[in-house]
Amino acid sequence: GLDFNRNFSTPAEQARAFEAQLTLAAETGLPLFLHERDAGRQMLEML
């Protein structure tokens, strides 16, 4: 997911990794276990 509270990874890096894992969820049909902190608007847009 996305965590803009501490930004240990940049927002761009987070979005890239999240997009890749959304792809894996779509391909496998498995449910998603999501993390979000201080990034609700961006998370909602991607989802």
All heavy atoms as atom14 arrays in JSON, in Angstrom:
{
  "sequence": "GLDFNRNFSTPAEQARAFEAQLTLAAETGLPLFLHERDAGRQMLEML",
  "atom14_mask": [
    [1, 1, 1, 1, 0, 0, 0, 0, 0, 0, 0, 0, 0, 0],
    [1, 1, 1, 1, 1, 1, 1, 1, 0, 0, 0, 0, 0, 0],
    [1, 1, 1, 1, 1, 1, 1, 1, 0, 0, 0, 0, 0, 0],
    [1, 1, 1, 1, 1, 1, 1, 1, 1, 1, 1, 0, 0, 0],
    [1, 1, 1, 1, 1, 1, 1, 1, 0, 0, 0, 0, 0, 0],
    [1, 1, 1, 1, 1, 1, 1, 1, 1, 1, 1, 0, 0, 0],
    [1, 1, 1, 1, 1, 1, 1, 1, 0, 0, 0, 0, 0, 0],
    [1, 1, 1, 1, 1, 1, 1, 1, 1, 1, 1, 0, 0, 0],
    [1, 1, 1, 1, 1, 1, 0, 0, 0, 0, 0, 0, 0, 0],
    [1, 1, 1, 1, 1, 1, 1, 0, 0, 0, 0, 0, 0, 0],
    [1, 1, 1, 1, 1, 1, 1, 0, 0, 0, 0, 0, 0, 0],
    [1, 1, 1, 1, 1, 0, 0, 0, 0, 0, 0, 0, 0, 0],
    [1, 1, 1, 1, 1, 1, 1, 1, 1, 0, 0, 0, 0, 0],
    [1, 1, 1, 1, 1, 1, 1, 1, 1, 0, 0, 0, 0, 0],
    [1, 1, 1, 1, 1, 0, 0, 0, 0, 0, 0, 0, 0, 0],
    [1, 1, 1, 1, 1, 1, 1, 1, 1, 1, 1, 0, 0, 0],
    [1, 1, 1, 1, 1, 0, 0, 0, 0, 0, 0, 0, 0, 0],
    [1, 1, 1, 1, 1, 1, 1, 1, 1, 1, 1, 0, 0, 0],
    [1, 1, 1, 1, 1, 1, 1, 1, 1, 0, 0, 0, 0, 0],
    [1, 1, 1, 1, 1, 0, 0, 0, 0, 0, 0, 0, 0, 0],
    [1, 1, 1, 1, 1, 1, 1, 1, 1, 0, 0, 0, 0, 0],
    [1, 1, 1, 1, 1, 1, 1, 1, 0, 0, 0, 0, 0, 0],
    [1, 1, 1, 1, 1, 1, 1, 0, 0, 0, 0, 0, 0, 0],
    [1, 1, 1, 1, 1, 1, 1, 1, 0, 0, 0, 0, 0, 0],
    [1, 1, 1, 1, 1, 0, 0, 0, 0, 0, 0, 0, 0, 0],
    [1, 1, 1, 1, 1, 0, 0, 0, 0, 0, 0, 0, 0, 0],
    [1, 1, 1, 1, 1, 1, 1, 1, 1, 0, 0, 0, 0, 0],
    [1, 1, 1, 1, 1, 1, 1, 0, 0, 0, 0, 0, 0, 0],
    [1, 1, 1, 1, 0, 0, 0, 0, 0, 0, 0, 0, 0, 0],
    [1, 1, 1, 1, 1, 1, 1, 1, 0, 0, 0, 0, 0, 0],
    [1, 1, 1, 1, 1, 1, 1, 0, 0, 0, 0, 0, 0, 0],
    [1, 1, 1, 1, 1, 1, 1, 1, 0, 0, 0, 0, 0, 0],
    [1, 1, 1, 1, 1, 1, 1, 1, 1, 1, 1, 0, 0, 0],
    [1, 1, 1, 1, 1, 1, 1, 1, 0, 0, 0, 0, 0, 0],
    [1, 1, 1, 1, 1, 1, 1, 1, 1, 1, 0, 0, 0, 0],
    [1, 1, 1, 1, 1, 1, 1, 1, 1, 0, 0, 0, 0, 0],
    [1, 1, 1, 1, 1, 1, 1, 1, 1, 1, 1, 0, 0, 0],
    [1, 1, 1, 1, 1, 1, 1, 1, 0, 0, 0, 0, 0, 0],
    [1, 1, 1, 1, 1, 0, 0, 0, 0, 0, 0, 0, 0, 0],
    [1, 1, 1, 1, 0, 0, 0, 0, 0, 0, 0, 0, 0, 0],
    [1, 1, 1, 1, 1, 1, 1, 1, 1, 1, 1, 0, 0, 0],
    [1, 1, 1, 1, 1, 1, 1, 1, 1, 0, 0, 0, 0, 0],
    [1, 1, 1, 1, 1, 1, 1, 1, 0, 0, 0, 0, 0, 0],
    [1, 1, 1, 1, 1, 1, 1, 1, 0, 0, 0, 0, 0, 0],
    [1, 1, 1, 1, 1, 1, 1, 1, 1, 0, 0, 0, 0, 0],
    [1, 1, 1, 1, 1, 1, 1, 1, 0, 0, 0, 0, 0, 0],
    [1, 1, 1, 1, 1, 1, 1, 1, 0, 0, 0, 0, 0, 0]
  ],
  "atom14_positions": [
    [[0.81, -1.2, 0.0], [0.0, 0.0, 0.0], [0.84, 1.25, 0.0], [1.92, 1.3, -0.62], [0.0, 0.0, 0.0], [0.0, 0.0, 0.0], [0.0, 0.0, 0.0], [0.0, 0.0, 0.0], [0.0, 0.0, 0.0], [0.0, 0.0, 0.0], [0.0, 0.0, 0.0], [0.0, 0.0, 0.0], [0.0, 0.0, 0.0], [0.0, 0.0, 0.0]],
    [[0.37, 2.27, 0.73], [1.03, 3.59, 0.76], [1.12, 4.07, 2.2], [0.18, 3.94, 2.97], [0.23, 4.6, -0.06], [-0.03, 4.28, -1.53], [-0.97, 5.32, -2.15], [1.27, 4.21, -2.32], [0.0, 0.0, 0.0], [0.0, 0.0, 0.0], [0.0, 0.0, 0.0], [0.0, 0.0, 0.0], [0.0, 0.0, 0.0], [0.0, 0.0, 0.0]],
    [[2.27, 4.68, 2.54], [2.48, 5.25, 3.87], [3.27, 6.53, 3.71], [4.47, 6.5, 3.5], [3.21, 4.26, 4.77], [3.26, 4.7, 6.23], [3.47, 5.92, 6.47], [3.1, 3.86, 7.13], [0.0, 0.0, 0.0], [0.0, 0.0, 0.0], [0.0, 0.0, 0.0], [0.0, 0.0, 0.0], [0.0, 0.0, 0.0], [0.0, 0.0, 0.0]],
    [[2.55, 7.66, 3.79], [3.21, 8.96, 3.63], [3.49, 9.61, 4.98], [3.82, 10.79, 5.06], [2.34, 9.89, 2.78], [2.14, 9.41, 1.36], [1.15, 9.96, 0.57], [2.94, 8.42, 0.81], [0.95, 9.53, -0.74], [2.76, 7.97, -0.49], [1.76, 8.54, -1.27], [0.0, 0.0, 0.0], [0.0, 0.0, 0.0], [0.0, 0.0, 0.0]],
    [[3.38, 8.82, 6.06], [3.66, 9.36, 7.38], [5.15, 9.52, 7.61], [5.6, 10.51, 8.18], [3.04, 8.45, 8.45], [3.27, 8.94, 9.86], [4.19, 8.49, 10.54], [2.45, 9.89, 10.29], [0.0, 0.0, 0.0], [0.0, 0.0, 0.0], [0.0, 0.0, 0.0], [0.0, 0.0, 0.0], [0.0, 0.0, 0.0], [0.0, 0.0, 0.0]],
    [[5.92, 8.53, 7.17], [7.37, 8.58, 7.38], [8.16, 8.61, 6.09], [9.3, 9.03, 6.06], [7.81, 7.38, 8.24], [7.23, 7.41, 9.64], [7.75, 6.24, 10.46], [7.2, 6.23, 11.81], [7.47, 5.31, 12.71], [8.29, 4.3, 12.41], [6.93, 5.35, 13.91], [0.0, 0.0, 0.0], [0.0, 0.0, 0.0], [0.0, 0.0, 0.0]],
    [[7.57, 8.09, 5.02], [8.22, 8.1, 3.72], [9.63, 7.48, 3.76], [10.6, 8.06, 3.26], [8.3, 9.53, 3.15], [6.96, 10.0, 2.6], [6.19, 9.21, 2.05], [6.67, 11.27, 2.74], [0.0, 0.0, 0.0], [0.0, 0.0, 0.0], [0.0, 0.0, 0.0], [0.0, 0.0, 0.0], [0.0, 0.0, 0.0], [0.0, 0.0, 0.0]],
    [[9.72, 6.28, 4.36], [10.99, 5.56, 4.31], [11.36, 5.21, 2.87], [12.54, 5.07, 2.54], [10.91, 4.29, 5.16], [10.87, 4.56, 6.63], [9.96, 3.9, 7.45], [11.74, 5.45, 7.22], [9.92, 4.14, 8.82], [11.72, 5.7, 8.59], [10.8, 5.04, 9.39], [0.0, 0.0, 0.0], [0.0, 0.0, 0.0], [0.0, 0.0, 0.0]],
    [[10.34, 5.01, 2.03], [10.52, 4.97, 0.59], [9.76, 6.16, 0.02], [8.77, 6.61, 0.61], [9.96, 3.67, 0.0], [10.68, 2.55, 0.46], [0.0, 0.0, 0.0], [0.0, 0.0, 0.0], [0.0, 0.0, 0.0], [0.0, 0.0, 0.0], [0.0, 0.0, 0.0], [0.0, 0.0, 0.0], [0.0, 0.0, 0.0], [0.0, 0.0, 0.0]],
    [[10.2, 6.68, -1.11], [9.55, 7.87, -1.67], [8.13, 7.53, -2.12], [7.83, 6.36, -2.42], [10.33, 8.42, -2.86], [10.25, 7.49, -3.95], [11.79, 8.68, -2.49], [0.0, 0.0, 0.0], [0.0, 0.0, 0.0], [0.0, 0.0, 0.0], [0.0, 0.0, 0.0], [0.0, 0.0, 0.0], [0.0, 0.0, 0.0], [0.0, 0.0, 0.0]],
    [[7.25, 8.52, -2.2], [5.9, 8.25, -2.71], [5.91, 7.59, -4.09], [5.08, 6.7, -4.36], [5.27, 9.64, -2.75], [5.94, 10.38, -1.63], [7.36, 9.89, -1.66], [0.0, 0.0, 0.0], [0.0, 0.0, 0.0], [0.0, 0.0, 0.0], [0.0, 0.0, 0.0], [0.0, 0.0, 0.0], [0.0, 0.0, 0.0], [0.0, 0.0, 0.0]],
    [[6.84, 7.99, -4.94], [6.91, 7.38, -6.28], [7.3, 5.9, -6.18], [6.75, 5.05, -6.89], [7.91, 8.15, -7.14], [0.0, 0.0, 0.0], [0.0, 0.0, 0.0], [0.0, 0.0, 0.0], [0.0, 0.0, 0.0], [0.0, 0.0, 0.0], [0.0, 0.0, 0.0], [0.0, 0.0, 0.0], [0.0, 0.0, 0.0], [0.0, 0.0, 0.0]],
    [[8.26, 5.59, -5.32], [8.67, 4.19, -5.14], [7.52, 3.37, -4.55], [7.29, 2.21, -4.95], [9.89, 4.11, -4.23], [11.17, 4.65, -4.87], [12.3, 4.81, -3.87], [12.03, 5.03, -2.66], [13.46, 4.73, -4.28], [0.0, 0.0, 0.0], [0.0, 0.0, 0.0], [0.0, 0.0, 0.0], [0.0, 0.0, 0.0], [0.0, 0.0, 0.0]],
    [[6.79, 3.96, -3.61], [5.66, 3.25, -3.02], [4.58, 2.97, -4.05], [4.03, 1.86, -4.11], [5.07, 4.1, -1.88], [5.99, 4.24, -0.67], [5.32, 5.03, 0.45], [4.16, 4.81, 0.76], [6.05, 5.96, 1.05], [0.0, 0.0, 0.0], [0.0, 0.0, 0.0], [0.0, 0.0, 0.0], [0.0, 0.0, 0.0], [0.0, 0.0, 0.0]],
    [[4.28, 3.95, -4.88], [3.25, 3.77, -5.9], [3.66, 2.69, -6.9], [2.82, 1.87, -7.33], [2.98, 5.09, -6.62], [0.0, 0.0, 0.0], [0.0, 0.0, 0.0], [0.0, 0.0, 0.0], [0.0, 0.0, 0.0], [0.0, 0.0, 0.0], [0.0, 0.0, 0.0], [0.0, 0.0, 0.0], [0.0, 0.0, 0.0], [0.0, 0.0, 0.0]],
    [[4.92, 2.65, -7.25], [5.4, 1.65, -8.21], [5.28, 0.25, -7.64], [4.78, -0.67, -8.3], [6.86, 1.94, -8.58], [7.47, 0.95, -9.58], [8.86, 1.41, -9.97], [9.79, 1.33, -8.86], [10.56, 0.26, -8.58], [10.48, -0.82, -9.34], [11.38, 0.28, -7.56], [0.0, 0.0, 0.0], [0.0, 0.0, 0.0], [0.0, 0.0, 0.0]],
    [[5.71, 0.05, -6.39], [5.62, -1.27, -5.77], [4.17, -1.67, -5.54], [3.8, -2.85, -5.7], [6.39, -1.28, -4.45], [0.0, 0.0, 0.0], [0.0, 0.0, 0.0], [0.0, 0.0, 0.0], [0.0, 0.0, 0.0], [0.0, 0.0, 0.0], [0.0, 0.0, 0.0], [0.0, 0.0, 0.0], [0.0, 0.0, 0.0], [0.0, 0.0, 0.0]],
    [[3.34, -0.72, -5.15], [1.93, -1.02, -4.92], [1.25, -1.43, -6.23], [0.49, -2.39, -6.27], [1.26, 0.2, -4.3], [-0.17, -0.03, -3.88], [-0.62, -1.28, -3.47], [-1.08, 1.02, -3.89], [-1.94, -1.48, -3.07], [-2.4, 0.83, -3.5], [-2.82, -0.43, -3.1], [0.0, 0.0, 0.0], [0.0, 0.0, 0.0], [0.0, 0.0, 0.0]],
    [[1.52, -0.68, -7.29], [0.94, -1.01, -8.6], [1.33, -2.43, -9.02], [0.5, -3.19, -9.53], [1.42, 0.0, -9.64], [0.7, -0.07, -10.96], [-0.53, 0.83, -11.0], [-0.66, 1.69, -10.13], [-1.34, 0.63, -11.91], [0.0, 0.0, 0.0], [0.0, 0.0, 0.0], [0.0, 0.0, 0.0], [0.0, 0.0, 0.0], [0.0, 0.0, 0.0]],
    [[2.57, -2.8, -8.78], [3.03, -4.15, -9.15], [2.3, -5.21, -8.34], [1.96, -6.28, -8.87], [4.54, -4.25, -8.93], [0.0, 0.0, 0.0], [0.0, 0.0, 0.0], [0.0, 0.0, 0.0], [0.0, 0.0, 0.0], [0.0, 0.0, 0.0], [0.0, 0.0, 0.0], [0.0, 0.0, 0.0], [0.0, 0.0, 0.0], [0.0, 0.0, 0.0]],
    [[2.04, -4.94, -7.07], [1.36, -5.92, -6.24], [-0.14, -5.97, -6.51], [-0.78, -7.02, -6.37], [1.66, -5.64, -4.76], [3.14, -5.92, -4.44], [3.55, -5.53, -3.05], [3.48, -6.33, -2.11], [4.01, -4.3, -2.88], [0.0, 0.0, 0.0], [0.0, 0.0, 0.0], [0.0, 0.0, 0.0], [0.0, 0.0, 0.0], [0.0, 0.0, 0.0]],
    [[-0.71, -4.84, -6.94], [-2.09, -4.87, -7.42], [-2.2, -5.76, -8.65], [-3.17, -6.52, -8.81], [-2.55, -3.44, -7.76], [-2.87, -2.54, -6.57], [-2.94, -1.08, -7.02], [-4.17, -2.95, -5.92], [0.0, 0.0, 0.0], [0.0, 0.0, 0.0], [0.0, 0.0, 0.0], [0.0, 0.0, 0.0], [0.0, 0.0, 0.0], [0.0, 0.0, 0.0]],
    [[-1.19, -5.71, -9.5], [-1.15, -6.58, -10.67], [-1.11, -8.04, -10.27], [-1.82, -8.89, -10.84], [0.07, -6.24, -11.56], [-0.01, -4.87, -11.97], [0.12, -7.13, -12.79], [0.0, 0.0, 0.0], [0.0, 0.0, 0.0], [0.0, 0.0, 0.0], [0.0, 0.0, 0.0], [0.0, 0.0, 0.0], [0.0, 0.0, 0.0], [0.0, 0.0, 0.0]],
    [[-0.3, -8.36, -9.26], [-0.21, -9.74, -8.78], [-1.55, -10.21, -8.2], [-1.97, -11.35, -8.42], [0.88, -9.87, -7.73], [2.33, -9.76, -8.22], [3.3, -9.77, -7.04], [2.66, -10.9, -9.18], [0.0, 0.0, 0.0], [0.0, 0.0, 0.0], [0.0, 0.0, 0.0], [0.0, 0.0, 0.0], [0.0, 0.0, 0.0], [0.0, 0.0, 0.0]],
    [[-2.22, -9.33, -7.49], [-3.52, -9.69, -6.93], [-4.53, -9.95, -8.03], [-5.35, -10.88, -7.95], [-4.02, -8.58, -6.0], [0.0, 0.0, 0.0], [0.0, 0.0, 0.0], [0.0, 0.0, 0.0], [0.0, 0.0, 0.0], [0.0, 0.0, 0.0], [0.0, 0.0, 0.0], [0.0, 0.0, 0.0], [0.0, 0.0, 0.0], [0.0, 0.0, 0.0]],
    [[-4.51, -9.12, -9.07], [-5.43, -9.31, -10.19], [-5.14, -10.62, -10.92], [-6.06, -11.34, -11.32], [-5.32, -8.13, -11.15], [0.0, 0.0, 0.0], [0.0, 0.0, 0.0], [0.0, 0.0, 0.0], [0.0, 0.0, 0.0], [0.0, 0.0, 0.0], [0.0, 0.0, 0.0], [0.0, 0.0, 0.0], [0.0, 0.0, 0.0], [0.0, 0.0, 0.0]],
    [[-3.87, -10.95, -11.06], [-3.49, -12.17, -11.79], [-3.81, -13.43, -10.99], [-4.23, -14.44, -11.56], [-2.0, -12.13, -12.12], [-1.62, -11.09, -13.16], [-0.12, -11.05, -13.41], [0.62, -11.8, -12.71], [0.32, -10.28, -14.27], [0.0, 0.0, 0.0], [0.0, 0.0, 0.0], [0.0, 0.0, 0.0], [0.0, 0.0, 0.0], [0.0, 0.0, 0.0]],
    [[-3.59, -13.4, -9.68], [-3.77, -14.6, -8.87], [-5.19, -14.76, -8.34], [-5.59, -15.87, -7.97], [-2.81, -14.58, -7.66], [-3.13, -13.45, -6.83], [-1.35, -14.51, -8.12], [0.0, 0.0, 0.0], [0.0, 0.0, 0.0], [0.0, 0.0, 0.0], [0.0, 0.0, 0.0], [0.0, 0.0, 0.0], [0.0, 0.0, 0.0], [0.0, 0.0, 0.0]],
    [[-5.93, -13.66, -8.26], [-7.26, -13.71, -7.67], [-7.24, -13.72, -6.15], [-8.3, -13.84, -5.51], [0.0, 0.0, 0.0], [0.0, 0.0, 0.0], [0.0, 0.0, 0.0], [0.0, 0.0, 0.0], [0.0, 0.0, 0.0], [0.0, 0.0, 0.0], [0.0, 0.0, 0.0], [0.0, 0.0, 0.0], [0.0, 0.0, 0.0], [0.0, 0.0, 0.0]],
    [[-6.06, -13.61, -5.55], [-5.96, -13.59, -4.09], [-6.39, -12.23, -3.54], [-6.23, -11.2, -4.21], [-4.52, -13.88, -3.65], [-4.02, -15.31, -3.84], [-2.52, -15.38, -3.56], [-4.78, -16.27, -2.94], [0.0, 0.0, 0.0], [0.0, 0.0, 0.0], [0.0, 0.0, 0.0], [0.0, 0.0, 0.0], [0.0, 0.0, 0.0], [0.0, 0.0, 0.0]],
    [[-6.93, -12.2, -2.34], [-7.3, -10.92, -1.73], [-6.07, -10.09, -1.39], [-4.95, -10.6, -1.32], [-8.07, -11.32, -0.48], [-7.58, -12.69, -0.15], [-7.27, -13.34, -1.46], [0.0, 0.0, 0.0], [0.0, 0.0, 0.0], [0.0, 0.0, 0.0], [0.0, 0.0, 0.0], [0.0, 0.0, 0.0], [0.0, 0.0, 0.0], [0.0, 0.0, 0.0]],
    [[-6.3, -8.81, -1.14], [-5.24, -7.88, -0.81], [-5.25, -7.55, 0.68], [-6.31, -7.32, 1.27], [-5.41, -6.57, -1.59], [-4.86, -6.55, -3.02], [-5.55, -5.45, -3.8], [-3.36, -6.34, -3.02], [0.0, 0.0, 0.0], [0.0, 0.0, 0.0], [0.0, 0.0, 0.0], [0.0, 0.0, 0.0], [0.0, 0.0, 0.0], [0.0, 0.0, 0.0]],
    [[-4.06, -7.49, 1.26], [-3.87, -7.09, 2.65], [-3.18, -5.74, 2.59], [-1.98, -5.65, 2.28], [-3.03, -8.13, 3.39], [-3.0, -7.97, 4.88], [-4.06, -8.39, 5.66], [-1.9, -7.41, 5.52], [-4.03, -8.26, 7.04], [-1.86, -7.27, 6.89], [-2.93, -7.7, 7.65], [0.0, 0.0, 0.0], [0.0, 0.0, 0.0], [0.0, 0.0, 0.0]],
    [[-3.94, -4.67, 2.86], [-3.5, -3.31, 2.55], [-3.01, -2.55, 3.78], [-3.55, -2.7, 4.88], [-4.64, -2.52, 1.92], [-5.19, -3.08, 0.6], [-6.43, -2.3, 0.19], [-4.13, -3.01, -0.49], [0.0, 0.0, 0.0], [0.0, 0.0, 0.0], [0.0, 0.0, 0.0], [0.0, 0.0, 0.0], [0.0, 0.0, 0.0], [0.0, 0.0, 0.0]],
    [[-2.02, -1.69, 3.55], [-1.52, -0.76, 4.57], [-1.68, 0.65, 4.03], [-1.29, 0.94, 2.9], [-0.05, -1.03, 4.86], [0.59, -0.02, 5.77], [0.81, -0.25, 7.11], [1.04, 1.25, 5.54], [1.37, 0.82, 7.66], [1.52, 1.74, 6.72], [0.0, 0.0, 0.0], [0.0, 0.0, 0.0], [0.0, 0.0, 0.0], [0.0, 0.0, 0.0]],
    [[-2.25, 1.54, 4.85], [-2.34, 2.95, 4.47], [-2.22, 3.82, 5.69], [-2.88, 3.58, 6.7], [-3.67, 3.22, 3.76], [-3.86, 4.68, 3.33], [-4.6, 5.52, 4.36], [-5.7, 5.11, 4.78], [-4.06, 6.58, 4.76], [0.0, 0.0, 0.0], [0.0, 0.0, 0.0], [0.0, 0.0, 0.0], [0.0, 0.0, 0.0], [0.0, 0.0, 0.0]],
    [[-1.37, 4.82, 5.59], [-1.28, 5.82, 6.66], [-0.99, 7.18, 6.03], [-0.02, 7.32, 5.26], [-0.2, 5.44, 7.68], [-0.27, 6.33, 8.93], [0.63, 5.83, 10.04], [0.51, 6.7, 11.21], [1.36, 6.67, 12.23], [2.36, 5.81, 12.25], [1.2, 7.51, 13.25], [0.0, 0.0, 0.0], [0.0, 0.0, 0.0], [0.0, 0.0, 0.0]],
    [[-1.84, 8.13, 6.33], [-1.7, 9.49, 5.82], [-1.64, 9.54, 4.3], [-0.98, 10.4, 3.71], [-0.45, 10.17, 6.4], [-0.54, 10.36, 7.91], [-1.65, 10.21, 8.46], [0.5, 10.66, 8.53], [0.0, 0.0, 0.0], [0.0, 0.0, 0.0], [0.0, 0.0, 0.0], [0.0, 0.0, 0.0], [0.0, 0.0, 0.0], [0.0, 0.0, 0.0]],
    [[-2.3, 8.61, 3.65], [-2.27, 8.53, 2.19], [-3.63, 8.09, 1.64], [-3.71, 7.48, 0.58], [-1.18, 7.56, 1.73], [0.0, 0.0, 0.0], [0.0, 0.0, 0.0], [0.0, 0.0, 0.0], [0.0, 0.0, 0.0], [0.0, 0.0, 0.0], [0.0, 0.0, 0.0], [0.0, 0.0, 0.0], [0.0, 0.0, 0.0], [0.0, 0.0, 0.0]],
    [[-4.69, 8.42, 2.38], [-6.01, 7.93, 2.0], [-6.45, 8.34, 0.62], [-6.98, 7.54, -0.15], [0.0, 0.0, 0.0], [0.0, 0.0, 0.0], [0.0, 0.0, 0.0], [0.0, 0.0, 0.0], [0.0, 0.0, 0.0], [0.0, 0.0, 0.0], [0.0, 0.0, 0.0], [0.0, 0.0, 0.0], [0.0, 0.0, 0.0], [0.0, 0.0, 0.0]],
    [[-6.25, 9.61, 0.26], [-6.71, 10.09, -1.05], [-6.01, 9.36, -2.19], [-6.65, 8.9, -3.14], [-6.47, 11.6, -1.17], [-6.94, 12.2, -2.49], [-6.78, 13.7, -2.49], [-7.56, 14.32, -1.43], [-7.54, 15.63, -1.17], [-6.77, 16.45, -1.88], [-8.28, 16.13, -0.19], [0.0, 0.0, 0.0], [0.0, 0.0, 0.0], [0.0, 0.0, 0.0]],
    [[-4.68, 9.25, -2.09], [-3.94, 8.57, -3.15], [-4.28, 7.09, -3.22], [-4.37, 6.51, -4.3], [-2.43, 8.77, -2.93], [-1.97, 10.22, -3.05], [-2.1, 10.99, -1.75], [-2.85, 10.6, -0.83], [-1.35, 12.09, -1.64], [0.0, 0.0, 0.0], [0.0, 0.0, 0.0], [0.0, 0.0, 0.0], [0.0, 0.0, 0.0], [0.0, 0.0, 0.0]],
    [[-4.45, 6.47, -2.05], [-4.82, 5.04, -2.02], [-6.17, 4.83, -2.69], [-6.34, 3.9, -3.49], [-4.86, 4.55, -0.57], [-5.3, 3.11, -0.43], [-3.95, 1.95, -0.7], [-3.48, 1.65, 0.98], [0.0, 0.0, 0.0], [0.0, 0.0, 0.0], [0.0, 0.0, 0.0], [0.0, 0.0, 0.0], [0.0, 0.0, 0.0], [0.0, 0.0, 0.0]],
    [[-7.13, 5.67, -2.38], [-8.45, 5.53, -2.97], [-8.4, 5.69, -4.48], [-9.07, 4.96, -5.22], [-9.41, 6.56, -2.36], [-9.92, 6.22, -0.96], [-10.58, 7.43, -0.32], [-10.91, 5.06, -1.02], [0.0, 0.0, 0.0], [0.0, 0.0, 0.0], [0.0, 0.0, 0.0], [0.0, 0.0, 0.0], [0.0, 0.0, 0.0], [0.0, 0.0, 0.0]],
    [[-7.61, 6.64, -4.95], [-7.51, 6.85, -6.4], [-6.96, 5.61, -7.1], [-7.47, 5.2, -8.15], [-6.62, 8.06, -6.68], [-7.26, 9.39, -6.33], [-6.3, 10.56, -6.52], [-5.13, 10.32, -6.91], [-6.72, 11.71, -6.28], [0.0, 0.0, 0.0], [0.0, 0.0, 0.0], [0.0, 0.0, 0.0], [0.0, 0.0, 0.0], [0.0, 0.0, 0.0]],
    [[-5.92, 5.0, -6.53], [-5.34, 3.82, -7.14], [-6.3, 2.64, -7.08], [-6.46, 1.89, -8.04], [-4.0, 3.47, -6.47], [-2.91, 4.5, -6.7], [-1.31, 4.03, -6.01], [-0.82, 2.72, -7.15], [0.0, 0.0, 0.0], [0.0, 0.0, 0.0], [0.0, 0.0, 0.0], [0.0, 0.0, 0.0], [0.0, 0.0, 0.0], [0.0, 0.0, 0.0]],
    [[-6.97, 2.47, -5.94], [-7.87, 1.33, -5.79], [-9.1, 1.46, -6.69], [-9.6, 0.45, -7.2], [-8.29, 1.19, -4.33], [-7.19, 0.7, -3.37], [-7.68, 0.79, -1.93], [-6.77, -0.72, -3.7], [0.0, 0.0, 0.0], [0.0, 0.0, 0.0], [0.0, 0.0, 0.0], [0.0, 0.0, 0.0], [0.0, 0.0, 0.0], [0.0, 0.0, 0.0]]
  ]
}
